[in-house]
Protein backbone atom coordinates (compact mmCIF):
# COMPACT_ATOMS: atom_id res chain seq x y z
CA UNK A 1 -6.41 17.21 10.22
CA UNK A 2 -3.35 17.34 12.57
CA UNK A 3 -0.33 19.48 11.54
CA UNK A 4 2.10 17.62 9.38
CA UNK A 5 5.62 17.17 10.78
CA UNK A 6 8.97 17.51 9.18
CA UNK A 7 10.04 14.03 8.10
CA UNK A 8 13.71 12.99 7.72
CA UNK A 9 13.67 10.07 5.28
CA UNK A 10 16.71 7.75 5.54
CA UNK A 11 17.78 6.04 2.31
CA UNK A 12 20.66 3.74 1.49
CA UNK A 13 21.50 5.82 -1.60
CA UNK A 14 19.88 8.58 -3.54
CA UNK A 15 19.08 8.98 -6.39
CA UNK A 16 19.14 5.45 -7.79
CA UNK A 17 17.86 4.38 -11.21
CA UNK A 18 16.79 1.02 -9.94
CA UNK A 19 14.58 2.53 -7.17
CA UNK A 20 12.05 4.49 -9.11
CA UNK A 21 9.37 3.08 -6.73
CA UNK A 22 11.01 5.05 -3.87
CA UNK A 23 11.36 8.23 -5.82
CA UNK A 24 7.73 7.99 -6.99
CA UNK A 25 6.53 7.57 -3.37
CA UNK A 26 8.67 10.60 -2.23
CA UNK A 27 7.16 12.78 -4.96
CA UNK A 28 3.68 11.51 -4.02
CA UNK A 29 4.16 12.41 -0.36
CA UNK A 30 5.41 15.90 -1.31
CA UNK A 31 2.40 16.40 -3.55
CA UNK A 32 0.18 15.26 -0.60
CA UNK A 33 1.70 18.11 1.44
CA UNK A 34 4.50 16.48 3.42
CA UNK A 35 7.70 18.35 4.10
CA UNK A 36 10.66 15.93 3.53
CA UNK A 37 14.44 16.06 3.88
CA UNK A 38 16.31 13.11 2.40
CA UNK A 39 19.16 11.50 4.31
CA UNK A 40 21.34 9.38 2.12
CA UNK A 41 23.81 6.88 3.51
CA UNK A 42 25.68 6.73 0.18
CA UNK A 43 26.41 9.13 -2.68
CA UNK A 44 24.92 8.36 -6.08
CA UNK A 45 26.76 6.12 -8.52
CA UNK A 46 24.30 6.27 -11.47
CA UNK A 47 25.29 8.90 -14.03
CA UNK A 48 21.70 9.32 -15.21
CA UNK A 49 18.55 10.43 -13.41
CA UNK A 50 14.87 9.75 -14.05
CA UNK A 51 12.49 12.68 -14.70
CA UNK A 52 10.82 11.96 -11.29
CA UNK A 53 14.10 12.79 -9.51
CA UNK A 54 14.07 16.30 -11.01
CA UNK A 55 10.56 16.94 -9.70
CA UNK A 56 11.32 16.05 -6.04
CA UNK A 57 12.02 19.31 -4.10
CA UNK A 58 13.37 17.77 -0.95
CA UNK A 59 16.88 18.69 0.10
CA UNK A 60 19.34 15.75 0.15
CA UNK A 61 21.94 15.40 2.96
CA UNK A 62 24.64 12.82 2.61
CA UNK A 63 26.06 11.06 5.68
CA UNK A 64 29.66 9.81 5.73
CA UNK A 65 29.60 6.72 3.51
CA UNK A 66 32.67 5.38 5.28
CA UNK A 67 33.54 6.71 8.70
CA UNK A 68 37.28 7.03 8.01
CA UNK A 69 36.54 9.37 5.05
CA UNK A 70 35.08 12.08 7.35
CA UNK A 71 36.69 11.48 10.72
CA UNK A 72 36.12 15.03 12.04
CA UNK A 73 32.46 14.88 11.23
CA UNK A 74 32.16 11.49 12.97
CA UNK A 75 34.12 12.70 16.00
CA UNK A 76 31.86 15.72 16.34
CA UNK A 77 28.83 13.45 16.16
CA UNK A 78 30.30 11.18 18.94
CA UNK A 79 31.14 14.14 21.16
CA UNK A 80 27.77 15.73 20.75
CA UNK A 81 26.11 12.33 21.34
CA UNK A 82 27.33 12.24 25.01
CA UNK A 83 24.88 15.07 25.86
CA UNK A 84 21.92 13.54 24.04
CA UNK A 85 19.13 12.12 26.24
CA UNK A 86 19.25 8.73 24.67
CA UNK A 87 22.97 8.15 24.49
CA UNK A 88 23.15 5.48 27.23
CA UNK A 89 20.18 3.66 25.82
CA UNK A 90 21.75 3.82 22.35
CA UNK A 91 25.06 2.30 23.52
CA UNK A 92 23.22 -0.41 25.41
CA UNK A 93 21.31 -1.31 22.28
CA UNK A 94 24.39 -1.03 20.02
CA UNK A 95 26.43 -3.36 22.25
CA UNK A 96 23.54 -5.91 22.35
CA UNK A 97 23.41 -5.72 18.50
CA UNK A 98 27.25 -6.04 18.30
CA UNK A 99 27.23 -9.29 20.27
CA UNK A 100 25.00 -10.78 17.61
CA UNK A 101 26.58 -9.03 14.64
CA UNK A 102 30.28 -8.33 15.21
CA UNK A 103 30.97 -6.39 12.06
CA UNK A 104 32.46 -3.26 10.67
CA UNK A 105 29.07 -2.49 9.22
CA UNK A 106 27.53 -2.29 12.68
CA UNK A 107 30.04 0.39 13.76
CA UNK A 108 29.40 2.33 10.50
CA UNK A 109 25.65 2.45 11.26
CA UNK A 110 26.33 3.76 14.69
CA UNK A 111 28.69 6.48 13.35
CA UNK A 112 26.18 7.57 10.75
CA UNK A 113 23.39 7.71 13.32
CA UNK A 114 25.64 9.90 15.58
CA UNK A 115 26.34 12.22 12.74
CA UNK A 116 22.69 12.49 11.91
CA UNK A 117 21.88 13.08 15.58
CA UNK A 118 24.25 16.00 15.80
CA UNK A 119 23.53 17.65 12.44
CA UNK A 120 19.75 17.00 12.64
CA UNK A 121 18.80 18.77 9.36
CA UNK A 122 15.83 21.07 9.01
CA UNK A 123 14.57 20.46 12.59
CA UNK A 124 13.23 17.03 11.70
CA UNK A 125 10.25 15.84 13.86
CA UNK A 126 9.89 12.32 12.50
CA UNK A 127 12.18 9.63 11.01
CA UNK A 128 11.24 7.25 8.19
CA UNK A 129 13.50 4.57 6.82
CA UNK A 130 13.33 3.01 3.32
CA UNK A 131 14.52 -0.59 3.76
CA UNK A 132 14.45 -2.43 7.10
CA UNK A 133 18.18 -3.48 7.05
CA UNK A 134 20.91 -0.94 7.18
CA UNK A 135 18.84 2.27 6.64
CA UNK A 136 16.56 1.19 9.49
CA UNK A 137 19.55 0.50 11.69
CA UNK A 138 20.68 4.12 11.28
CA UNK A 139 17.20 5.36 11.70
CA UNK A 140 16.50 3.30 14.83
CA UNK A 141 19.75 4.35 16.43
CA UNK A 142 19.05 7.99 15.68
CA UNK A 143 15.55 7.57 17.10
CA UNK A 144 16.91 6.10 20.33
CA UNK A 145 19.48 8.82 20.58
CA UNK A 146 17.15 11.82 19.96
CA UNK A 147 13.86 10.28 21.25
CA UNK A 148 12.26 10.93 17.82
CA UNK A 149 9.60 8.46 16.64
CA UNK A 150 10.34 6.44 13.48
CA UNK A 151 8.53 4.36 10.87
CA UNK A 152 9.69 2.12 8.11
CA UNK A 153 9.06 0.91 4.59
CA UNK A 154 10.42 -2.57 4.05
CA UNK A 155 10.79 -4.03 0.55
CA UNK A 156 12.41 -7.36 -0.40
CA UNK A 157 16.18 -8.06 0.00
CA UNK A 158 16.11 -6.19 3.30
CA UNK A 159 13.37 -8.53 4.73
CA UNK A 160 14.84 -11.75 3.49
CA UNK A 161 18.49 -11.19 4.25
CA UNK A 162 17.95 -9.73 7.71
CA UNK A 163 18.14 -12.12 10.74
CA UNK A 164 14.86 -12.76 12.56
CA UNK A 165 16.15 -11.26 15.81
CA UNK A 166 16.90 -7.96 14.10
CA UNK A 167 13.54 -7.77 12.35
CA UNK A 168 11.84 -8.58 15.65
CA UNK A 169 13.67 -5.72 17.35
CA UNK A 170 12.89 -3.15 14.63
CA UNK A 171 9.25 -4.25 14.23
CA UNK A 172 8.93 -3.75 17.93
CA UNK A 173 10.29 -0.24 18.09
CA UNK A 174 8.99 1.31 14.82
CA UNK A 175 5.59 2.96 15.15
CA UNK A 176 4.54 0.99 12.04
CA UNK A 177 6.10 -0.75 9.11
CA UNK A 178 4.74 -1.11 5.60
CA UNK A 179 5.85 -3.61 2.93
CA UNK A 180 4.91 -4.02 -0.70
CA UNK A 181 4.10 -7.79 -1.07
CA UNK A 182 1.91 -10.14 0.76
CA UNK A 183 4.72 -12.73 1.24
CA UNK A 184 6.88 -10.06 3.00
CA UNK A 185 3.89 -8.89 5.00
CA UNK A 186 2.93 -12.30 6.25
CA UNK A 187 6.57 -13.14 7.01
CA UNK A 188 7.12 -10.03 9.15
CA UNK A 189 3.87 -10.59 11.01
CA UNK A 190 5.23 -13.98 12.21
CA UNK A 191 8.16 -12.16 13.77
CA UNK A 192 6.40 -9.66 15.96
CA UNK A 193 3.68 -9.58 18.61
CA UNK A 194 2.63 -6.16 17.16
CA UNK A 195 0.90 -7.57 14.14
CA UNK A 196 -1.41 -4.55 13.89
CA UNK A 197 1.70 -2.34 13.24
CA UNK A 198 2.62 -4.21 10.02
CA UNK A 199 0.80 -3.09 6.83
CA UNK A 200 0.64 -4.27 3.23
CA UNK A 201 0.97 -1.40 0.71
CA UNK A 202 1.69 -2.05 -2.92
CA UNK A 203 3.84 0.59 -4.46
CA UNK A 204 1.78 0.85 -7.59
CA UNK A 205 2.59 2.95 -10.56
CA UNK A 206 2.28 6.58 -11.55
CA UNK A 207 -0.19 5.96 -14.42
CA UNK A 208 0.23 9.53 -15.63
CA UNK A 209 3.82 8.59 -16.63
CA UNK A 210 2.78 5.21 -17.98
CA UNK A 211 -0.30 6.23 -19.97
CA UNK A 212 -2.33 3.78 -22.04
CA UNK A 213 -0.47 2.59 -25.15
CA UNK A 214 -2.97 2.82 -28.03
CA UNK A 215 -0.46 1.75 -30.72
CA UNK A 216 -0.70 -1.60 -32.52
CA UNK A 217 1.25 -4.46 -31.24
CA UNK A 218 3.07 -6.52 -33.92
CA UNK A 219 1.86 -9.85 -35.29
CA UNK A 220 5.32 -11.40 -35.31
CA UNK A 221 5.44 -15.11 -34.87
CA UNK A 222 9.19 -15.69 -34.99
CA UNK A 223 8.90 -17.15 -38.51
CA UNK A 224 10.67 -14.37 -40.38
CA UNK A 225 14.52 -14.20 -40.09
CA UNK A 226 14.45 -10.55 -41.18
CA UNK A 227 11.79 -9.68 -38.65
CA UNK A 228 12.50 -11.55 -35.38
CA UNK A 229 10.25 -11.41 -32.36
CA UNK A 230 11.55 -8.80 -29.88
CA UNK A 231 11.98 -9.88 -26.24
CA UNK A 232 12.67 -7.17 -23.63
CA UNK A 233 14.10 -7.61 -20.18
CA UNK A 234 14.82 -4.77 -17.72
CA UNK A 235 16.75 -5.48 -14.47
CA UNK A 236 20.13 -5.36 -12.80
CA UNK A 237 22.52 -8.15 -13.64
CA UNK A 238 22.44 -9.73 -10.12
CA UNK A 239 21.70 -13.27 -8.98
CA UNK A 240 18.10 -12.82 -7.86
CA UNK A 241 17.11 -11.62 -11.38
CA UNK A 242 17.86 -15.09 -12.76
CA UNK A 243 19.50 -13.93 -16.04
CA UNK A 244 21.49 -17.09 -16.30
CA UNK A 245 18.30 -19.04 -16.26
CA UNK A 246 16.76 -16.73 -18.92
CA UNK A 247 19.75 -17.19 -21.19
CA UNK A 248 19.70 -20.96 -20.80
CA UNK A 249 15.95 -20.89 -21.66
CA UNK A 250 16.54 -18.74 -24.77
CA UNK A 251 19.20 -21.22 -25.88
CA UNK A 252 16.61 -23.95 -25.71
CA UNK A 253 14.21 -22.26 -28.16
CA UNK A 254 13.70 -24.13 -31.41
CA UNK A 255 16.21 -23.36 -34.18
CA UNK A 256 13.38 -22.24 -36.54
CA UNK A 257 12.25 -19.56 -34.07
CA UNK A 258 13.67 -16.09 -34.90
CA UNK A 259 14.06 -13.81 -31.91
CA UNK A 260 16.16 -11.00 -30.51
CA UNK A 261 16.45 -9.76 -26.89
CA UNK A 262 17.25 -6.26 -25.58
CA UNK A 263 18.47 -6.12 -22.01
CA UNK A 264 18.33 -2.82 -20.10
CA UNK A 265 20.26 -2.44 -16.84
CA UNK A 266 23.63 -2.42 -15.19
CA UNK A 267 24.96 -4.81 -12.62
CA UNK A 268 28.05 -6.70 -11.46
CA UNK A 269 27.27 -9.84 -13.37
CA UNK A 270 27.03 -8.36 -16.83
CA UNK A 271 30.48 -9.66 -17.96
CA UNK A 272 29.66 -13.11 -16.67
CA UNK A 273 26.23 -13.11 -18.52
CA UNK A 274 27.74 -11.96 -21.77
CA UNK A 275 30.31 -14.81 -21.51
CA UNK A 276 27.46 -17.24 -20.88
CA UNK A 277 25.48 -16.00 -23.83
CA UNK A 278 28.59 -16.49 -26.06
CA UNK A 279 29.09 -20.00 -24.66
CA UNK A 280 25.45 -20.85 -25.37
CA UNK A 281 25.77 -19.54 -28.93
CA UNK A 282 23.16 -16.74 -28.59
CA UNK A 283 25.28 -13.68 -28.03
CA UNK A 284 24.53 -12.43 -31.56
CA UNK A 285 20.84 -12.24 -30.72
CA UNK A 286 21.19 -10.21 -27.56
CA UNK A 287 21.76 -6.42 -27.23
CA UNK A 288 23.10 -5.28 -23.82
CA UNK A 289 21.98 -1.64 -23.60
CA UNK A 290 23.04 -0.72 -20.05
CA UNK A 291 21.13 1.63 -17.73
CA UNK A 292 18.54 3.90 -19.26
CA UNK A 293 16.31 6.71 -18.14
CA UNK A 294 12.62 5.99 -17.57
CA UNK A 295 11.35 7.64 -20.78
CA UNK A 296 13.74 5.47 -22.83
CA UNK A 297 12.61 2.34 -20.95
CA UNK A 298 8.96 3.27 -21.80
CA UNK A 299 9.80 3.44 -25.45
CA UNK A 300 11.26 -0.08 -25.35
CA UNK A 301 8.12 -1.43 -23.59
CA UNK A 302 6.06 -0.06 -26.45
CA UNK A 303 8.26 -1.59 -29.17
CA UNK A 304 8.75 -5.04 -27.66
CA UNK A 305 6.65 -8.09 -28.29
CA UNK A 306 7.00 -9.66 -24.81
CA UNK A 307 8.81 -9.04 -21.58
CA UNK A 308 10.79 -11.65 -19.67
CA UNK A 309 12.14 -11.83 -16.15
CA UNK A 310 13.27 -15.01 -14.49
CA UNK A 311 13.16 -14.02 -10.81
CA UNK A 312 14.59 -16.45 -8.34
CA UNK A 313 15.60 -16.68 -4.63
CA UNK A 314 19.42 -16.12 -4.37
CA UNK A 315 21.72 -18.28 -2.32
CA UNK A 316 21.75 -15.76 0.57
CA UNK A 317 17.92 -15.56 0.55
CA UNK A 318 17.79 -12.31 -1.45
CA UNK A 319 14.80 -12.07 -3.72
CA UNK A 320 12.56 -9.50 -5.45
CA UNK A 321 9.36 -8.27 -3.88
CA UNK A 322 7.16 -7.34 -6.88
CA UNK A 323 9.50 -6.02 -9.54
CA UNK A 324 8.31 -2.65 -10.65
CA UNK A 325 9.37 -3.37 -14.20
CA UNK A 326 6.64 -6.08 -14.42
CA UNK A 327 4.02 -3.52 -13.35
CA UNK A 328 5.44 -1.03 -15.84
CA UNK A 329 5.48 -3.55 -18.73
CA UNK A 330 1.96 -4.66 -17.97
CA UNK A 331 0.69 -1.16 -17.98
CA UNK A 332 1.80 -0.96 -21.63
CA UNK A 333 -0.22 -4.03 -22.70
CA UNK A 334 3.05 -5.92 -23.00
CA UNK A 335 2.67 -9.66 -22.02
CA UNK A 336 5.14 -10.74 -19.29
CA UNK A 337 6.81 -14.11 -18.85
CA UNK A 338 8.07 -14.51 -15.30
CA UNK A 339 8.33 -16.87 -12.34
CA UNK A 340 6.40 -17.78 -9.22
CA UNK A 341 8.66 -15.93 -6.77
CA UNK A 342 7.53 -13.51 -4.00
CA UNK A 343 5.02 -10.96 -5.14
CA UNK A 344 5.06 -11.88 -8.88
CA UNK A 345 1.88 -14.07 -8.59
CA UNK A 346 0.18 -11.11 -6.83
CA UNK A 347 0.37 -9.36 -10.16
CA UNK A 348 0.47 -12.05 -12.84
CA UNK A 349 -1.87 -15.10 -13.02
CA UNK A 350 -0.63 -17.76 -15.36
CA UNK A 351 -2.75 -17.95 -18.49
CA UNK A 352 -4.94 -15.03 -17.37
CA UNK A 353 -2.77 -11.95 -17.63
CA UNK A 354 0.70 -13.37 -18.09
CA UNK A 355 2.76 -16.54 -18.27
CA UNK A 356 4.23 -17.64 -14.96
CA UNK A 357 6.39 -20.71 -14.44
CA UNK A 358 8.38 -22.16 -11.47
CA UNK A 359 11.84 -20.51 -10.91
CA UNK A 360 15.09 -22.26 -11.84
CA UNK A 361 13.56 -24.22 -14.75
CA UNK A 362 14.91 -23.14 -18.14
CA UNK A 363 12.89 -25.78 -19.97
CA UNK A 364 9.51 -24.62 -18.72
CA UNK A 365 10.53 -20.99 -19.21
CA UNK A 366 11.53 -21.76 -22.79
CA UNK A 367 8.16 -23.34 -23.36
CA UNK A 368 6.34 -20.23 -22.14
CA UNK A 369 8.59 -17.93 -24.23
CA UNK A 370 7.93 -20.08 -27.36
CA UNK A 371 4.23 -19.97 -26.74
CA UNK A 372 4.21 -16.16 -26.46
CA UNK A 373 6.43 -15.69 -29.50
CA UNK A 374 4.38 -17.99 -31.84
CA UNK A 375 0.97 -16.58 -30.83
CA UNK A 376 0.24 -12.86 -31.34
CA UNK A 377 -3.37 -13.37 -30.32
CA UNK A 378 -2.27 -14.86 -27.01
CA UNK A 379 0.11 -11.95 -26.45
CA UNK A 380 -2.73 -9.48 -27.05
CA UNK A 381 -5.20 -11.28 -24.77
CA UNK A 382 -2.80 -11.57 -21.89
CA UNK A 383 -1.36 -8.03 -22.39
CA UNK A 384 -4.76 -6.38 -22.38
CA UNK A 385 -5.72 -8.31 -19.22
CA UNK A 386 -2.42 -7.24 -17.62
CA UNK A 387 -3.07 -3.65 -18.33
CA UNK A 388 -6.54 -3.87 -16.80
CA UNK A 389 -5.00 -5.38 -13.62
CA UNK A 390 -2.56 -2.60 -13.31
CA UNK A 391 -4.99 0.24 -13.89
CA UNK A 392 -7.58 -1.21 -11.54
CA UNK A 393 -5.33 -2.36 -8.64
CA UNK A 394 -1.82 -0.80 -8.89
CA UNK A 395 -2.35 2.94 -9.07
CA UNK A 396 0.24 4.44 -6.74
CA UNK A 397 -2.18 7.07 -5.46
CA UNK A 398 -3.86 4.41 -3.33
CA UNK A 399 -0.48 3.72 -1.60
CA UNK A 400 0.06 7.40 -0.98
CA UNK A 401 -3.42 7.76 0.60
CA UNK A 402 -2.64 4.77 2.87
CA UNK A 403 0.74 6.25 3.94
CA UNK A 404 -0.89 9.59 4.52
CA UNK A 405 -3.47 8.00 6.74
CA UNK A 406 -0.82 6.10 8.79
CA UNK A 407 1.33 9.20 9.38
CA UNK A 408 -1.69 11.36 10.23
CA UNK A 409 -3.09 8.74 12.64
CA UNK A 410 0.23 8.78 14.56
CA UNK A 411 0.34 12.56 14.70
CA UNK A 412 -3.26 12.62 15.83
CA UNK A 413 -2.41 10.37 18.70
CA UNK A 414 0.62 12.58 19.61
CA UNK A 415 -1.41 15.84 19.54
């Protein structure tokens, strides 16, 4: 086996409660023997941390989030950049990008790359970006500047909101890129001649953290006002999660059906959603719980009767890949009701291990929710099948083995 190199992992922000799939991967790579340093483009905004964050040993280095906040650090990066072997090539690439994307954001990524190039923590020998939009821009610029090879993990929003020309450039210069859904994988392969350098790698789940739930699920049917069916949804209040569609679907449920919904997550649209719930006359049935740590979310999975997430494609093209919360809920034998967007059908098959409807259709979503609420036997059958699917095909160790093989193949070629 070739010697493993020091990897600088560039992240948009760290730690983030909504990105447990990244933290899980980082921990998995550390356990596989990789030496990581985390390079974060933003400081954390979440007040809580998941247990997985406490287990990751890697040092975290924060780049200037905004260049004007640390001008001396940026100026030192620029001055040091003049003597780097790839400075001229970097400026040529930056100016070409700037012609196609004349934005303050483009200058920020250059400045962050110059700071990274000067400070170069822990004698990094490889660069890896999580997300193919802005983190990959910083990573690719730093790669050009320092002549250090780079690789990339692409996910969802970053793929679908990036222009094709930019994806083509990055897919051409990264040694390889992995992504977590077949739809993203197939889309990126249409944008590059290096199809062999694009790989499909599902994140999977750390099944040790999400062990088998042996408890009894309730037999609620929504018929008892004092014992309503409990719906759970976990996700940020942002457009692509479709919470307005879910609320409208809930408002369409029959008057004789007794239900309550817990929502876990933050997000900029929370106030708007609460106002919509009030307008629809269902605010008294919804509890907005805010962000929670992973162990608390697990407890909610185990107490709920069904899980709902109305994923959609946002106006700017943003969409989920395969929401990790659907994998988590399924691992706990909790039936999921969701939509046919991106990677969701890669996990859930309608009528086999979940209920899946077209997006943007509150009436069809309401019908699926009602079916699950009224039929405990259906919930049990679909929930059991969903758990089997996760435990057979979504164990994150397979993803870690795949990434390990990809890294080591590159290092074998280099040595």
